[in-house]
Each structure stands twice: as structure tokens, then as C-alpha cells.
Amino acid sequence: MPKIWYTTIVILLFEVFMYKARRRIVLLVTDVVITALLICLSIFIIPPVTGKSPTEGAAVFAWTLVAILLCTLLIIGQQITNKANASIEQTALYSGETALLSEFIERIRFCYSLDDFYAIVADVLENKADCSVLYIDCEKNYVLYNSPDKITCDKETMDTLAQNFPLSWKSGFFFIGENLGIVTNAKTARGFFLSNNGHHMYVFCRYTHLFDAVIYPQLFEEFCRFQNRTKTISDLSEIASLSKEWEQLADTQRSFLPPTMPKLDKLEVAAYFRPLVNVSGDYYSVLPIDKDKTLLMLGDVSGKGLAAALVMGLVMNTVKILEDKDDLVAMVRAVDKAIKGMKLQDKYTVLFIGIVDTSKMTIRYINASMSDPLIITRAPEGYRIKPLSSNCSLVGIIDIPDVEVAEQRLFRGDVILMASDGVSEVMDDKGVELGTTDLYTNTIKSSASKSPKEFIDDVVNLVLSYNGDKKLRDDVTMMVAKVER
């Protein structure tokens, strides 16, 4: 017999035992059996009942009986077909070479990481199925996994695949021919590949034609589920990692702030710091200069997040390392130079720097565009407010002209309030800012007789209640110093 005829017969016999062919055979056999039974019904039931001269009732009875039997046969035939198909599918998926891909599907169904996936590829596809695997992230042009053999390690192979199947290739499963191009017939394929979300997984196998075609849609579906699952887990892990890093950054930033207020002679200080997110651009510091002088500083860097936190740390460190803390002008210029040296373009700070001298009972200060510093002092008619007005431009973004240090007289019991705009600019439901209301003015006046800590508690409670149940829109930072009586 000629070889071509032999090959044709083998292929036909093989086709008979493939999953879809066997389903067609089952359906065909069922249809033949039901048709044969109908013929029998027509021959053996209808004539005896109707006779040579059938009455109308006898004919109706005969056809009704045939219809009932036909429905019964159809139901029985459908059940037989379903059971046969289930048995055929089970046999097709879990016998012969196809069983190897079924095992691979079952294994990746419970796979949650790329490392586990690679282990399953090596165990099932490489060791058991004798396949070669190449897994590529086309978006990054990066090989995620390749089997240690010639075809998957060959640069020419990778270049050809990249040329034939670019990043824009549609999702699905496809068959690969001898020239590493697409073939439509699995019988001539030397492998297949799965494409989804910019990832291509190539599986090279000489006996690809022996895998039952029913397996590929299931394999592709499970491959997509695995990718979505690992991406979700990766995203969650990245979020957790970033959250941990942000928390560490927040801890580092807090280390720049005074952990506790120093014990000072004739001056009591308290502070409050509530960042909107983990890290903040707000800052404050209390630095004793000598037994009578204390440097107070509070500021706010433009923007939010990491860049603001970096500038905040720079400002704090610049002020801390300066030897002459009496020279407020030099201090502001040093901060200005340091921020401009970072070349962040849109970053600057507003800040208040003051030196309280409890011997001379004065405060010398520079207010670089801070809106809220003030002194609450006792008067015969009650407490009154004296603003510590701005006398300097923004620091770190524009040229600073000549700066003059301002000075205010202090009295026993005076309260110095420094706060970021997160305090005064908090809004109620009508959009009215707290700092413009009598409620704010009356609160700080009525709290001036209290300790700095109690004063801050009153203002914080006011901010939160005035804001209602809404989320705060800015960092809230305050520092209060009270001259002891």
C-alpha cells in the first residue's frame, strides 16, 4: 500500500477517536436509533390501532400514543447523549497526551505566584510532556521564563517570534508551524502559544497534533485567570510594600520633629501635628539658645507627599546645623538657598521664625508669608489679639529682598499661637473658613487662660467639629508658647 494512503487511513482513524468526532458519532447513533424506533412505531402501532376503516377517535389515539412515545424516546436519547458526551469528554481530557495539559490546567488553577507557575511548567510541560516553553512579557520585551534547550534559548527564535507576534497580537490560543508562523491546522503544528495582556507563552511540542482540541479553550481560560490572579496579588503586595515604605518614611519624618517639648524657664510650649497623609510638608521646632532665649519655628512646604517631606527635612536640618541662631535673616537666607539648590522648581515654604527672650520680654521674628501667627494678650477689657504680620516673601522660589526682623513686646501670661493654614482654612458646609469667624476668635480668646496643651485641645476640637464629618483637606499643625506669670 502506498505510504500516502497509509498516512491518510491513520489520520482518519485518529480523527474518529478525537473528542468532537466521538460526540458527532454519539449524536448520529442516537438519531439513527430514534429514527428506527419511529419507523417501527409507524409500522407496528398505527396500522393495528386504526384498522382498515379507522374511526376518527382511533386515529387520534394512535397519533397521540406515537407522540408520547416519541417525546419519551427524545428525553431518553438526550440523557444517553449527555452521559455519553460526559464520558467522552472525561476520556478525552484525562487520557493519552491530552491528560498532560489537563494536569497542567489543574495545577495552575491553584497557583498564586510566578515562581510556583515556573515550577509547574518545569514539572508538567518539560519533564512529563517533553515540551519546551518560552514565556515573554512583550510590553517590557523581557523573557520571564525559557526552557534550557536550543529552540527557546536561540536568539533567532526569539527575534522571529517577536516579528511574527508583536505586542499588539490579539488574545487567544494559536498554533505554530515549522517556520514559527501561524498554522490553522493543529495536525501540522509543532506547538501552540497563548496570548493575553501583552504576555505570550509559547509551547513547542512535536506531537501537538495528539492533544485533543477541546483542551485549548480551557487552557487559555485558566491561563488568563492565573494572570489576573497573580496581577491582583502583585498589586496588593506592592501596595502593602509601598504602605510599609511610606510608614517608614513617615517615621523618619517624625524623627525631625521634637519628640517632646523641652523644659524651659518662664516659657511653656506645646505642639500638635496631624498630617493629611502619611507624610507632610508641615514642620515645627523648638530650640533653646540660652537660659533666656528660645527659637520657635513653624512652617509649611508647598504641595503634599514625598517632595514636600524632603523639603521639610531639608529646612529642619538647615536650621538645626546653623551655629548662630540669633541671626534670623541669615537663617531665612540659608533655608532659601538650600531649597533652591534642590532645583524642584515648584517647591517653596512659608515659615515663621521667632526668638522669645523671657529676660527682655520680647519676641523677635520673621514671618515669611505665614497667615496665622498671633499673640493673645490680656487687656483690661479681656483678651485681645495682636497679629505677627508677614514681613518676608515666600522662601525657596523667588529672590528675597532685604529682610527686616520685627519685634513685639511680651507680657506675663501672653500666648503665642503659630498654626498652618490647615487650621484657619477649614470650611463648614457653607464653605465659610474657620479663621474668618467670630467662633474662632472667641475660642482662642477664651482658651488663652489655659495651659498650651489645653489651648491646643480646644482649637483641635473646634477644627474637627467645624469641619463636620468631612475628611480634612490639609495638614493640621500648631505650636503654642505661653509666657509664664
Foldseek 3Di string as FASTA:
>chain_A
DDPVVVVVVVVVVLVCLFLVNVLVVLVVVLVVVLVVVLVVLVVPQLPVQQDPPRDPVSNVVSVVVSVVVSVVSVVVSVVVSVVSSVVSVCCQCCDDLNVLLVVLLVQLLPDQAVVSNVVSCCVRQCPPVVKWKWKAQQVVRDTPDTDPDDQNPPPVNVVQLCVQAPQPHDFFKFFAAPSRHTDDDQCRGQWMWGDDPRMIMTIGHNVSVSRRPVSRVSSNVSVVVSVVNNVVVVVVVVVVVVVVVLLVLLVVLCVLADPDDDDAPQKDKDKDWFFLDSAFLWHWYWADPDNFKIKTKIKHKPDTDDVSSVLSSQLSVLQVPDPPNVPVVVSLQSSLVSLLVVVPQPIWMWMKIWMQGLVQQKIKIAGAPADDKWKWDADPVATDIGHPDHQWHIGHHDDTDDGDIDMDGHDALMKIKGKHVLQQQQAAPVNDGNVVDVVQVVLLRVCSNDHNVSSVVSSVVVSDVRNPPDRRDGIIIMMMMHRHD
